[in-house]
PDB file of all heavy atoms in Angstrom:
ATOM      1  N   PRO A   1      21.378 -84.435  23.282  1.00  0.00           N
ATOM      2  CA  PRO A   1      22.454 -83.381  23.497  1.00  0.00           C
ATOM      3  C   PRO A   1      23.717 -83.757  22.668  1.00  0.00           C
ATOM      4  O   PRO A   1      24.011 -84.980  22.493  1.00  0.00           O
ATOM      5  CB  PRO A   1      22.678 -83.442  24.962  1.00  0.00           C
ATOM      6  CG  PRO A   1      22.259 -84.772  25.478  1.00  0.00           C
ATOM      7  CD  PRO A   1      21.189 -85.169  24.535  1.00  0.00           C
ATOM      8  N   THR A   2      24.524 -82.733  22.414  1.00  0.00           N
ATOM      9  CA  THR A   2      25.801 -82.985  21.763  1.00  0.00           C
ATOM     10  C   THR A   2      26.842 -82.184  22.577  1.00  0.00           C
ATOM     11  O   THR A   2      26.480 -81.569  23.607  1.00  0.00           O
ATOM     12  CB  THR A   2      25.735 -82.427  20.334  1.00  0.00           C
ATOM     13  OG1 THR A   2      25.640 -80.951  20.352  1.00  0.00           O
ATOM     14  CG2 THR A   2      24.640 -83.016  19.529  1.00  0.00           C
ATOM     15  N   TYR A   3      27.986 -82.241  22.107  1.00  0.00           N
ATOM     16  CA  TYR A   3      29.092 -81.435  22.748  1.00  0.00           C
ATOM     17  C   TYR A   3      28.903 -79.949  22.651  1.00  0.00           C
ATOM     18  O   TYR A   3      29.431 -79.073  23.365  1.00  0.00           O
ATOM     19  CB  TYR A   3      30.398 -81.733  22.122  1.00  0.00           C
ATOM     20  CG  TYR A   3      31.052 -83.132  22.627  1.00  0.00           C
ATOM     21  CD1 TYR A   3      31.058 -84.181  21.738  1.00  0.00           C
ATOM     22  CD2 TYR A   3      31.514 -83.367  23.884  1.00  0.00           C
ATOM     23  CE1 TYR A   3      31.606 -85.453  22.014  1.00  0.00           C
ATOM     24  CE2 TYR A   3      31.966 -84.578  24.247  1.00  0.00           C
ATOM     25  CZ  TYR A   3      31.942 -85.631  23.367  1.00  0.00           C
ATOM     26  OH  TYR A   3      32.490 -86.767  23.719  1.00  0.00           O
ATOM     27  N   PHE A   4      28.029 -79.543  21.663  1.00  0.00           N
ATOM     28  CA  PHE A   4      27.823 -78.081  21.384  1.00  0.00           C
ATOM     29  C   PHE A   4      26.508 -77.559  21.764  1.00  0.00           C
ATOM     30  O   PHE A   4      26.385 -76.342  21.895  1.00  0.00           O
ATOM     31  CB  PHE A   4      28.024 -77.898  19.873  1.00  0.00           C
ATOM     32  CG  PHE A   4      29.298 -78.432  19.300  1.00  0.00           C
ATOM     33  CD1 PHE A   4      29.315 -79.665  18.618  1.00  0.00           C
ATOM     34  CD2 PHE A   4      30.480 -77.724  19.501  1.00  0.00           C
ATOM     35  CE1 PHE A   4      30.480 -80.190  18.148  1.00  0.00           C
ATOM     36  CE2 PHE A   4      31.663 -78.247  18.988  1.00  0.00           C
ATOM     37  CZ  PHE A   4      31.665 -79.425  18.318  1.00  0.00           C
ATOM     38  N   ALA A   5      25.515 -78.474  21.978  1.00  0.00           N
ATOM     39  CA  ALA A   5      24.147 -77.905  22.280  1.00  0.00           C
ATOM     40  C   ALA A   5      23.521 -78.988  23.269  1.00  0.00           C
ATOM     41  O   ALA A   5      23.766 -80.168  23.152  1.00  0.00           O
ATOM     42  CB  ALA A   5      23.390 -77.654  21.121  1.00  0.00           C
ATOM     43  N   GLY A   6      22.606 -78.453  24.081  1.00  0.00           N
ATOM     44  CA  GLY A   6      21.828 -79.376  24.977  1.00  0.00           C
ATOM     45  C   GLY A   6      20.702 -80.003  24.226  1.00  0.00           C
ATOM     46  O   GLY A   6      20.420 -79.774  23.025  1.00  0.00           O
ATOM     47  N   GLY A   7      20.123 -81.042  24.841  1.00  0.00           N
ATOM     48  CA  GLY A   7      18.965 -81.735  24.238  1.00  0.00           C
ATOM     49  C   GLY A   7      17.653 -81.249  24.695  1.00  0.00           C
ATOM     50  O   GLY A   7      17.608 -80.475  25.678  1.00  0.00           O
ATOM     51  N   TYR A   8      16.647 -81.652  24.019  1.00  0.00           N
ATOM     52  CA  TYR A   8      15.248 -81.333  24.348  1.00  0.00           C
ATOM     53  C   TYR A   8      14.307 -82.272  23.660  1.00  0.00           C
ATOM     54  O   TYR A   8      14.693 -83.045  22.815  1.00  0.00           O
ATOM     55  CB  TYR A   8      15.030 -79.927  24.059  1.00  0.00           C
ATOM     56  CG  TYR A   8      15.269 -79.638  22.599  1.00  0.00           C
ATOM     57  CD1 TYR A   8      14.235 -79.689  21.584  1.00  0.00           C
ATOM     58  CD2 TYR A   8      16.462 -79.117  22.184  1.00  0.00           C
ATOM     59  CE1 TYR A   8      14.488 -79.438  20.195  1.00  0.00           C
ATOM     60  CE2 TYR A   8      16.712 -78.928  20.809  1.00  0.00           C
ATOM     61  CZ  TYR A   8      15.785 -79.025  19.903  1.00  0.00           C
ATOM     62  OH  TYR A   8      15.967 -78.793  18.567  1.00  0.00           O
ATOM     63  N   THR A   9      13.005 -82.161  24.009  1.00  0.00           N
ATOM     64  CA  THR A   9      11.949 -82.847  23.348  1.00  0.00           C
ATOM     65  C   THR A   9      11.110 -81.854  22.549  1.00  0.00           C
ATOM     66  O   THR A   9      10.645 -80.864  23.144  1.00  0.00           O
ATOM     67  CB  THR A   9      11.083 -83.712  24.311  1.00  0.00           C
ATOM     68  OG1 THR A   9      11.908 -84.575  24.998  1.00  0.00           O
ATOM     69  CG2 THR A   9       9.927 -84.443  23.604  1.00  0.00           C
ATOM     70  N   LEU A  10      10.935 -82.207  21.223  1.00  0.00           N
ATOM     71  CA  LEU A  10      10.070 -81.295  20.376  1.00  0.00           C
ATOM     72  C   LEU A  10       8.748 -81.947  20.163  1.00  0.00           C
ATOM     73  O   LEU A  10       8.573 -83.075  19.751  1.00  0.00           O
ATOM     74  CB  LEU A  10      10.823 -81.139  19.084  1.00  0.00           C
ATOM     75  CG  LEU A  10      10.096 -80.342  18.014  1.00  0.00           C
ATOM     76  CD1 LEU A  10       9.929 -78.900  18.371  1.00  0.00           C
ATOM     77  CD2 LEU A  10      10.794 -80.459  16.569  1.00  0.00           C
ATOM     78  N   HIS A  11       7.722 -81.133  20.499  1.00  0.00           N
ATOM     79  CA  HIS A  11       6.330 -81.584  20.341  1.00  0.00           C
ATOM     80  C   HIS A  11       5.724 -80.775  19.077  1.00  0.00           C
ATOM     81  O   HIS A  11       5.744 -79.472  19.068  1.00  0.00           O
ATOM     82  CB  HIS A  11       5.415 -81.342  21.605  1.00  0.00           C
ATOM     83  CG  HIS A  11       6.150 -81.940  22.797  1.00  0.00           C
ATOM     84  ND1 HIS A  11       5.900 -83.207  23.050  1.00  0.00           N
ATOM     85  CD2 HIS A  11       6.944 -81.443  23.655  1.00  0.00           C
ATOM     86  CE1 HIS A  11       6.546 -83.560  24.212  1.00  0.00           C
ATOM     87  NE2 HIS A  11       7.196 -82.474  24.611  1.00  0.00           N
ATOM     88  N   THR A  12       5.136 -81.454  18.117  1.00  0.00           N
ATOM     89  CA  THR A  12       4.708 -80.755  16.897  1.00  0.00           C
ATOM     90  C   THR A  12       3.327 -81.210  16.703  1.00  0.00           C
ATOM     91  O   THR A  12       2.948 -82.458  16.689  1.00  0.00           O
ATOM     92  CB  THR A  12       5.520 -81.113  15.667  1.00  0.00           C
ATOM     93  OG1 THR A  12       6.899 -80.666  15.870  1.00  0.00           O
ATOM     94  CG2 THR A  12       5.040 -80.366  14.386  1.00  0.00           C
ATOM     95  N   CYS A  13       2.383 -80.333  16.352  1.00  0.00           N
ATOM     96  CA  CYS A  13       0.985 -80.668  15.989  1.00  0.00           C
ATOM     97  C   CYS A  13       0.920 -81.227  14.548  1.00  0.00           C
ATOM     98  O   CYS A  13       1.448 -80.534  13.699  1.00  0.00           O
ATOM     99  CB  CYS A  13       0.080 -79.449  16.189  1.00  0.00           C
ATOM    100  SG  CYS A  13      -1.624 -79.744  15.754  1.00  0.00           S
ATOM    101  N   LYS A  14       0.334 -82.401  14.402  1.00  0.00           N
ATOM    102  CA  LYS A  14       0.215 -82.984  13.091  1.00  0.00           C
ATOM    103  C   LYS A  14      -0.726 -82.278  12.137  1.00  0.00           C
ATOM    104  O   LYS A  14      -0.680 -82.366  10.949  1.00  0.00           O
ATOM    105  CB  LYS A  14      -0.199 -84.416  13.235  1.00  0.00           C
ATOM    106  CG  LYS A  14       0.761 -85.267  13.954  1.00  0.00           C
ATOM    107  CD  LYS A  14       0.237 -86.707  14.073  1.00  0.00           C
ATOM    108  CE  LYS A  14       1.182 -87.656  14.942  1.00  0.00           C
ATOM    109  NZ  LYS A  14       0.568 -89.047  15.092  1.00  0.00           N
ATOM    110  N   VAL A  15      -1.531 -81.461  12.677  1.00  0.00           N
ATOM    111  CA  VAL A  15      -2.618 -80.759  12.000  1.00  0.00           C
ATOM    112  C   VAL A  15      -2.235 -79.403  11.481  1.00  0.00           C
ATOM    113  O   VAL A  15      -2.237 -79.231  10.222  1.00  0.00           O
ATOM    114  CB  VAL A  15      -3.876 -80.641  12.883  1.00  0.00           C
ATOM    115  CG1 VAL A  15      -5.107 -79.997  11.954  1.00  0.00           C
ATOM    116  CG2 VAL A  15      -4.367 -81.971  13.322  1.00  0.00           C
ATOM    117  N   CYS A  16      -1.717 -78.500  12.398  1.00  0.00           N
ATOM    118  CA  CYS A  16      -1.468 -77.209  11.940  1.00  0.00           C
ATOM    119  C   CYS A  16       0.108 -76.852  12.017  1.00  0.00           C
ATOM    120  O   CYS A  16       0.423 -75.862  11.592  1.00  0.00           O
ATOM    121  CB  CYS A  16      -2.094 -76.130  12.924  1.00  0.00           C
ATOM    122  SG  CYS A  16      -1.574 -76.208  14.609  1.00  0.00           S
ATOM    123  N   GLY A  17       0.874 -77.825  12.513  1.00  0.00           N
ATOM    124  CA  GLY A  17       2.347 -77.664  12.544  1.00  0.00           C
ATOM    125  C   GLY A  17       2.836 -76.804  13.619  1.00  0.00           C
ATOM    126  O   GLY A  17       4.093 -76.597  13.661  1.00  0.00           O
ATOM    127  N   ALA A  18       2.019 -76.343  14.509  1.00  0.00           N
ATOM    128  CA  ALA A  18       2.519 -75.570  15.704  1.00  0.00           C
ATOM    129  C   ALA A  18       3.349 -76.553  16.558  1.00  0.00           C
ATOM    130  O   ALA A  18       3.097 -77.758  16.763  1.00  0.00           O
ATOM    131  CB  ALA A  18       1.229 -75.094  16.568  1.00  0.00           C
ATOM    132  N   SER A  19       4.418 -75.936  17.313  1.00  0.00           N
ATOM    133  CA  SER A  19       5.308 -76.746  17.939  1.00  0.00           C
ATOM    134  C   SER A  19       5.815 -76.102  19.268  1.00  0.00           C
ATOM    135  O   SER A  19       5.766 -74.848  19.327  1.00  0.00           O
ATOM    136  CB  SER A  19       6.515 -77.203  17.145  1.00  0.00           C
ATOM    137  OG  SER A  19       7.267 -76.015  16.763  1.00  0.00           O
ATOM    138  N   TYR A  20       6.367 -76.857  20.242  1.00  0.00           N
ATOM    139  CA  TYR A  20       7.016 -76.320  21.391  1.00  0.00           C
ATOM    140  C   TYR A  20       7.944 -77.363  21.906  1.00  0.00           C
ATOM    141  O   TYR A  20       7.988 -78.538  21.539  1.00  0.00           O
ATOM    142  CB  TYR A  20       5.939 -75.980  22.536  1.00  0.00           C
ATOM    143  CG  TYR A  20       5.265 -77.185  23.039  1.00  0.00           C
ATOM    144  CD1 TYR A  20       5.704 -77.731  24.290  1.00  0.00           C
ATOM    145  CD2 TYR A  20       4.106 -77.728  22.457  1.00  0.00           C
ATOM    146  CE1 TYR A  20       5.051 -78.870  24.848  1.00  0.00           C
ATOM    147  CE2 TYR A  20       3.446 -78.781  23.054  1.00  0.00           C
ATOM    148  CZ  TYR A  20       3.943 -79.357  24.205  1.00  0.00           C
ATOM    149  OH  TYR A  20       3.381 -80.482  24.674  1.00  0.00           O
ATOM    150  N   THR A  21       8.834 -76.923  22.783  1.00  0.00           N
ATOM    151  CA  THR A  21       9.969 -77.776  23.354  1.00  0.00           C
ATOM    152  C   THR A  21       9.875 -77.809  24.899  1.00  0.00           C
ATOM    153  O   THR A  21       9.469 -76.884  25.600  1.00  0.00           O
ATOM    154  CB  THR A  21      11.263 -77.374  22.837  1.00  0.00           C
ATOM    155  OG1 THR A  21      11.530 -75.990  23.196  1.00  0.00           O
ATOM    156  CG2 THR A  21      11.434 -77.463  21.334  1.00  0.00           C
ATOM    157  N   ASP A  22      10.380 -78.912  25.441  1.00  0.00           N
ATOM    158  CA  ASP A  22      10.502 -79.059  26.872  1.00  0.00           C
ATOM    159  C   ASP A  22      11.631 -80.165  27.087  1.00  0.00           C
ATOM    160  O   ASP A  22      12.232 -80.645  26.250  1.00  0.00           O
ATOM    161  CB  ASP A  22       9.187 -79.330  27.529  1.00  0.00           C
ATOM    162  CG  ASP A  22       8.519 -80.627  27.114  1.00  0.00           C
ATOM    163  OD1 ASP A  22       9.171 -81.361  26.341  1.00  0.00           O
ATOM    164  OD2 ASP A  22       7.343 -80.930  27.539  1.00  0.00           O
ATOM    165  N   SER A  23      11.683 -80.527  28.366  1.00  0.00           N
ATOM    166  CA  SER A  23      12.541 -81.645  28.791  1.00  0.00           C
ATOM    167  C   SER A  23      13.995 -81.453  28.368  1.00  0.00           C
ATOM    168  O   SER A  23      14.633 -82.181  27.719  1.00  0.00           O
ATOM    169  CB  SER A  23      12.111 -83.034  28.304  1.00  0.00           C
ATOM    170  OG  SER A  23      10.719 -83.221  28.745  1.00  0.00           O
ATOM    171  N   TYR A  24      14.524 -80.153  28.784  1.00  0.00           N
ATOM    172  CA  TYR A  24      15.910 -79.829  28.332  1.00  0.00           C
ATOM    173  C   TYR A  24      16.886 -80.595  29.073  1.00  0.00           C
ATOM    174  O   TYR A  24      16.755 -80.925  30.311  1.00  0.00           O
ATOM    175  CB  TYR A  24      16.054 -78.318  28.545  1.00  0.00           C
ATOM    176  CG  TYR A  24      15.148 -77.462  27.662  1.00  0.00           C
ATOM    177  CD1 TYR A  24      13.960 -76.912  28.294  1.00  0.00           C
ATOM    178  CD2 TYR A  24      15.397 -77.199  26.374  1.00  0.00           C
ATOM    179  CE1 TYR A  24      13.128 -76.155  27.510  1.00  0.00           C
ATOM    180  CE2 TYR A  24      14.603 -76.473  25.655  1.00  0.00           C
ATOM    181  CZ  TYR A  24      13.423 -75.897  26.208  1.00  0.00           C
ATOM    182  OH  TYR A  24      12.483 -75.222  25.362  1.00  0.00           O
ATOM    183  N   THR A  25      18.013 -80.900  28.424  1.00  0.00           N
ATOM    184  CA  THR A  25      19.220 -81.506  29.099  1.00  0.00           C
ATOM    185  C   THR A  25      20.452 -80.739  28.656  1.00  0.00           C
ATOM    186  O   THR A  25      20.461 -80.142  27.508  1.00  0.00           O
ATOM    187  CB  THR A  25      19.336 -83.011  28.570  1.00  0.00           C
ATOM    188  OG1 THR A  25      19.357 -83.059  27.150  1.00  0.00           O
ATOM    189  CG2 THR A  25      18.184 -83.854  29.044  1.00  0.00           C
ATOM    190  N   SER A  26      21.464 -80.850  29.435  1.00  0.00           N
ATOM    191  CA  SER A  26      22.587 -80.113  29.285  1.00  0.00           C
ATOM    192  C   SER A  26      23.559 -80.757  28.053  1.00  0.00           C
ATOM    193  O   SER A  26      23.344 -81.899  27.870  1.00  0.00           O
ATOM    194  CB  SER A  26      23.571 -80.033  30.522  1.00  0.00           C
ATOM    195  OG  SER A  26      22.872 -79.289  31.582  1.00  0.00           O
ATOM    196  N   LYS A  27      24.310 -79.836  27.452  1.00  0.00           N
ATOM    197  CA  LYS A  27      25.190 -80.439  26.465  1.00  0.00           C
ATOM    198  C   LYS A  27      26.241 -81.344  27.104  1.00  0.00           C
ATOM    199  O   LYS A  27      26.477 -81.257  28.284  1.00  0.00           O
ATOM    200  CB  LYS A  27      25.978 -79.316  25.701  1.00  0.00           C
ATOM    201  CG  LYS A  27      26.866 -78.519  26.464  1.00  0.00           C
ATOM    202  CD  LYS A  27      27.505 -77.409  25.593  1.00  0.00           C
ATOM    203  CE  LYS A  27      28.476 -76.655  26.441  1.00  0.00           C
ATOM    204  NZ  LYS A  27      29.128 -75.576  25.566  1.00  0.00           N
ATOM    205  N   ILE A  28      26.777 -82.253  26.286  1.00  0.00           N
ATOM    206  CA  ILE A  28      27.760 -83.190  26.777  1.00  0.00           C
ATOM    207  C   ILE A  28      29.074 -82.531  27.083  1.00  0.00           C
ATOM    208  O   ILE A  28      29.559 -81.668  26.324  1.00  0.00           O
ATOM    209  CB  ILE A  28      27.988 -84.286  25.745  1.00  0.00           C
ATOM    210  CG1 ILE A  28      26.659 -84.983  25.423  1.00  0.00           C
ATOM    211  CG2 ILE A  28      29.013 -85.383  26.194  1.00  0.00           C
ATOM    212  CD1 ILE A  28      26.778 -86.079  24.280  1.00  0.00           C
ATOM    213  N   SER A  29      29.664 -82.829  28.403  1.00  0.00           N
ATOM    214  CA  SER A  29      30.874 -82.292  28.802  1.00  0.00           C
ATOM    215  C   SER A  29      31.982 -83.072  28.252  1.00  0.00           C
ATOM    216  O   SER A  29      31.986 -84.294  28.242  1.00  0.00           O
ATOM    217  CB  SER A  29      30.867 -82.095  30.278  1.00  0.00           C
ATOM    218  OG  SER A  29      29.878 -81.373  30.828  1.00  0.00           O
ATOM    219  N   VAL A  30      33.112 -82.296  27.886  1.00  0.00           N
ATOM    220  CA  VAL A  30      34.345 -83.030  27.449  1.00  0.00           C
ATOM    221  C   VAL A  30      35.136 -83.307  28.765  1.00  0.00           C
ATOM    222  O   VAL A  30      35.249 -82.496  29.667  1.00  0.00           O
ATOM    223  CB  VAL A  30      35.148 -82.063  26.554  1.00  0.00           C
ATOM    224  CG1 VAL A  30      36.459 -82.793  26.187  1.00  0.00           C
ATOM    225  CG2 VAL A  30      34.388 -81.706  25.348  1.00  0.00           C
ATOM    226  N   TYR A  31      35.678 -84.501  28.891  1.00  0.00           N
ATOM    227  CA  TYR A  31      36.420 -84.925  30.056  1.00  0.00           C
ATOM    228  C   TYR A  31      37.658 -84.006  30.198  1.00  0.00           C
ATOM    229  O   TYR A  31      38.340 -83.765  29.260  1.00  0.00           O
ATOM    230  CB  TYR A  31      36.849 -86.367  29.972  1.00  0.00           C
ATOM    231  CG  TYR A  31      35.772 -87.370  30.126  1.00  0.00           C
ATOM    232  CD1 TYR A  31      35.437 -88.245  29.080  1.00  0.00           C
ATOM    233  CD2 TYR A  31      35.058 -87.504  31.345  1.00  0.00           C
ATOM    234  CE1 TYR A  31      34.427 -89.139  29.216  1.00  0.00           C
ATOM    235  CE2 TYR A  31      34.026 -88.395  31.514  1.00  0.00           C
ATOM    236  CZ  TYR A  31      33.704 -89.183  30.426  1.00  0.00           C
ATOM    237  OH  TYR A  31      32.711 -90.063  30.563  1.00  0.00           O
ATOM    238  N   GLN A  32      37.845 -83.467  31.424  1.00  0.00           N
ATOM    239  CA  GLN A  32      38.875 -82.473  31.710  1.00  0.00           C
ATOM    240  C   GLN A  32      40.212 -83.205  31.867  1.00  0.00           C
ATOM    241  O   GLN A  32      40.346 -84.258  32.486  1.00  0.00           O
ATOM    242  CB  GLN A  32      38.513 -81.757  32.989  1.00  0.00           C
ATOM    243  CG  GLN A  32      39.390 -80.542  33.257  1.00  0.00           C
ATOM    244  CD  GLN A  32      39.055 -79.821  34.566  1.00  0.00           C
ATOM    245  OE1 GLN A  32      39.079 -80.413  35.590  1.00  0.00           O
ATOM    246  NE2 GLN A  32      38.721 -78.576  34.416  1.00  0.00           N
ATOM    247  N   SER A  33      41.268 -82.514  31.332  1.00  0.00           N
ATOM    248  CA  SER A  33      42.612 -83.042  31.498  1.00  0.00           C
ATOM    249  C   SER A  33      43.212 -82.177  32.792  1.00  0.00           C
ATOM    250  O   SER A  33      42.734 -81.147  33.192  1.00  0.00           O
ATOM    251  CB  SER A  33      43.465 -82.751  30.277  1.00  0.00           C
ATOM    252  OG  SER A  33      43.043 -83.432  29.202  1.00  0.00           O
ATOM    253  N   SER A  34      44.263 -82.745  33.250  1.00  0.00           N
ATOM    254  CA  SER A  34      45.013 -82.036  34.324  1.00  0.00           C
ATOM    255  C   SER A  34      46.527 -82.257  34.165  1.00  0.00           C
ATOM    256  O   SER A  34      46.994 -83.098  33.403  1.00  0.00           O
ATOM    257  CB  SER A  34      44.557 -82.608  35.694  1.00  0.00           C
ATOM    258  OG  SER A  34      44.891 -83.974  35.735  1.00  0.00           O
ATOM    259  N   ILE A  35      47.281 -81.381  34.848  1.00  0.00           N
ATOM    260  CA  ILE A  35      48.668 -81.449  34.789  1.00  0.00           C
ATOM    261  C   ILE A  35      49.253 -82.342  35.907  1.00  0.00           C
ATOM    262  O   ILE A  35      49.005 -82.114  37.172  1.00  0.00           O
ATOM    263  CB  ILE A  35      49.309 -80.009  34.924  1.00  0.00           C
ATOM    264  CG1 ILE A  35      48.851 -79.131  33.810  1.00  0.00           C
ATOM    265  CG2 ILE A  35      50.860 -80.081  35.006  1.00  0.00           C
ATOM    266  CD1 ILE A  35      49.154 -77.686  33.958  1.00  0.00           C
ATOM    267  N   TYR A  36      49.827 -83.532  35.600  1.00  0.00           N
ATOM    268  CA  TYR A  36      50.343 -84.411  36.626  1.00  0.00           C
ATOM    269  C   TYR A  36      51.589 -83.770  37.266  1.00  0.00           C
ATOM    270  O   TYR A  36      51.698 -83.773  38.450  1.00  0.00           O
ATOM    271  CB  TYR A  36      50.750 -85.714  35.974  1.00  0.00           C
ATOM    272  CG  TYR A  36      49.531 -86.729  35.792  1.00  0.00           C
ATOM    273  CD1 TYR A  36      49.476 -87.567  34.615  1.00  0.00           C
ATOM    274  CD2 TYR A  36      48.626 -86.729  36.712  1.00  0.00           C
ATOM    275  CE1 TYR A  36      48.503 -88.448  34.508  1.00  0.00           C
ATOM    276  CE2 TYR A  36      47.442 -87.638  36.544  1.00  0.00           C
ATOM    277  CZ  TYR A  36      47.393 -88.437  35.452  1.00  0.00           C
ATOM    278  OH  TYR A  36      46.455 -89.327  35.324  1.00  0.00           O
ATOM    279  N   SER A  37      52.398 -83.299  36.395  1.00  0.00           N
ATOM    280  CA  SER A  37      53.724 -82.757  36.839  1.00  0.00           C
ATOM    281  C   SER A  37      54.172 -81.704  35.997  1.00  0.00           C
ATOM    282  O   SER A  37      53.847 -81.672  34.880  1.00  0.00           O
ATOM    283  CB  SER A  37      54.839 -83.905  37.013  1.00  0.00           C
ATOM    284  OG  SER A  37      55.148 -84.381  35.790  1.00  0.00           O
ATOM    285  N   ILE A  38      54.972 -80.710  36.569  1.00  0.00           N
ATOM    286  CA  ILE A  38      55.532 -79.643  35.753  1.00  0.00           C
ATOM    287  C   ILE A  38      56.975 -79.381  36.363  1.00  0.00           C
ATOM    288  O   ILE A  38      57.181 -79.364  37.546  1.00  0.00           O
ATOM    289  CB  ILE A  38      54.736 -78.381  35.948  1.00  0.00           C
ATOM    290  CG1 ILE A  38      55.263 -77.276  35.087  1.00  0.00           C
ATOM    291  CG2 ILE A  38      54.474 -77.930  37.300  1.00  0.00           C
ATOM    292  CD1 ILE A  38      54.298 -76.002  34.951  1.00  0.00           C
ATOM    293  N   LYS A  39      57.921 -79.290  35.385  1.00  0.00           N
ATOM    294  CA  LYS A  39      59.326 -79.160  35.867  1.00  0.00           C
ATOM    295  C   LYS A  39      59.973 -78.116  34.972  1.00  0.00           C
ATOM    296  O   LYS A  39      59.835 -78.027  33.777  1.00  0.00           O
ATOM    297  CB  LYS A  39      60.026 -80.421  35.706  1.00  0.00           C
ATOM    298  CG  LYS A  39      61.415 -80.475  36.177  1.00  0.00           C
ATOM    299  CD  LYS A  39      62.078 -81.862  36.068  1.00  0.00           C
ATOM    300  CE  LYS A  39      63.560 -81.735  36.643  1.00  0.00           C
ATOM    301  NZ  LYS A  39      64.179 -83.144  36.555  1.00  0.00           N
ATOM    302  N   GLY A  40      60.638 -77.074  35.675  1.00  0.00           N
ATOM    303  CA  GLY A  40      61.307 -76.113  34.858  1.00  0.00           C
ATOM    304  C   GLY A  40      62.803 -76.526  34.493  1.00  0.00           C
ATOM    305  O   GLY A  40      63.460 -77.105  35.331  1.00  0.00           O
ATOM    306  N   GLY A  41      63.144 -76.229  33.371  1.00  0.00           N
ATOM    307  CA  GLY A  41      64.480 -76.449  32.871  1.00  0.00           C
ATOM    308  C   GLY A  41      65.150 -75.164  32.378  1.00  0.00           C
ATOM    309  O   GLY A  41      64.692 -74.109  32.518  1.00  0.00           O
ATOM    310  N   LYS A  42      66.281 -75.430  31.618  1.00  0.00           N
ATOM    311  CA  LYS A  42      66.976 -74.165  31.110  1.00  0.00           C
ATOM    312  C   LYS A  42      66.099 -73.653  29.885  1.00  0.00           C
ATOM    313  O   LYS A  42      66.091 -74.267  28.776  1.00  0.00           O
ATOM    314  CB  LYS A  42      68.338 -74.638  30.601  1.00  0.00           C
ATOM    315  CG  LYS A  42      69.216 -73.416  30.224  1.00  0.00           C
ATOM    316  CD  LYS A  42      70.573 -73.813  29.784  1.00  0.00           C
ATOM    317  CE  LYS A  42      71.454 -72.639  29.445  1.00  0.00           C
ATOM    318  NZ  LYS A  42      72.773 -73.116  29.066  1.00  0.00           N
ATOM    319  N   LYS A  43      65.507 -72.580  30.182  1.00  0.00           N
ATOM    320  CA  LYS A  43      64.618 -71.860  29.108  1.00  0.00           C
ATOM    321  C   LYS A  43      63.510 -72.785  28.594  1.00  0.00           C
ATOM    322  O   LYS A  43      63.151 -72.760  27.403  1.00  0.00           O
ATOM    323  CB  LYS A  43      65.436 -71.312  27.988  1.00  0.00           C
ATOM    324  CG  LYS A  43      66.322 -70.205  28.345  1.00  0.00           C
ATOM    325  CD  LYS A  43      67.041 -69.597  27.179  1.00  0.00           C
ATOM    326  CE  LYS A  43      67.979 -68.439  27.512  1.00  0.00           C
ATOM    327  NZ  LYS A  43      68.592 -67.919  26.352  1.00  0.00           N
ATOM    328  N   LYS A  44      63.102 -73.750  29.430  1.00  0.00           N
ATOM    329  CA  LYS A  44      62.050 -74.650  28.974  1.00  0.00           C
ATOM    330  C   LYS A  44      61.290 -75.180  30.250  1.00  0.00           C
ATOM    331  O   LYS A  44      61.643 -75.053  31.328  1.00  0.00           O
ATOM    332  CB  LYS A  44      62.548 -75.820  28.223  1.00  0.00           C
ATOM    333  CG  LYS A  44      63.584 -76.647  28.944  1.00  0.00           C
ATOM    334  CD  LYS A  44      64.097 -77.756  28.053  1.00  0.00           C
ATOM    335  CE  LYS A  44      65.151 -78.653  28.804  1.00  0.00           C
ATOM    336  NZ  LYS A  44      65.747 -79.614  27.894  1.00  0.00           N
ATOM    337  N   ILE A  45      60.140 -75.767  29.863  1.00  0.00           N
ATOM    338  CA  ILE A  45      59.201 -76.419  30.905  1.00  0.00           C
ATOM    339  C   ILE A  45      58.775 -77.740  30.364  1.00  0.00           C
ATOM    340  O   ILE A  45      58.409 -77.911  29.206  1.00  0.00           O
ATOM    341  CB  ILE A  45      57.914 -75.552  31.055  1.00  0.00           C
ATOM    342  CG1 ILE A  45      58.218 -74.149  31.634  1.00  0.00           C
ATOM    343  CG2 ILE A  45      57.003 -76.320  31.991  1.00  0.00           C
ATOM    344  CD1 ILE A  45      57.082 -73.230  31.677  1.00  0.00           C
TER     345      ILE A  45
END
């Protein structure tokens, strides 16, 4: 898996080339940020 797509296992026939996929995994999540503090000022934050 990557940040943009999930992972999987690709099975391919060596003789005829037919293939299928299984064992799917979710894509990698980006760690979430959060707001520690917020303070209003004169026309600003």
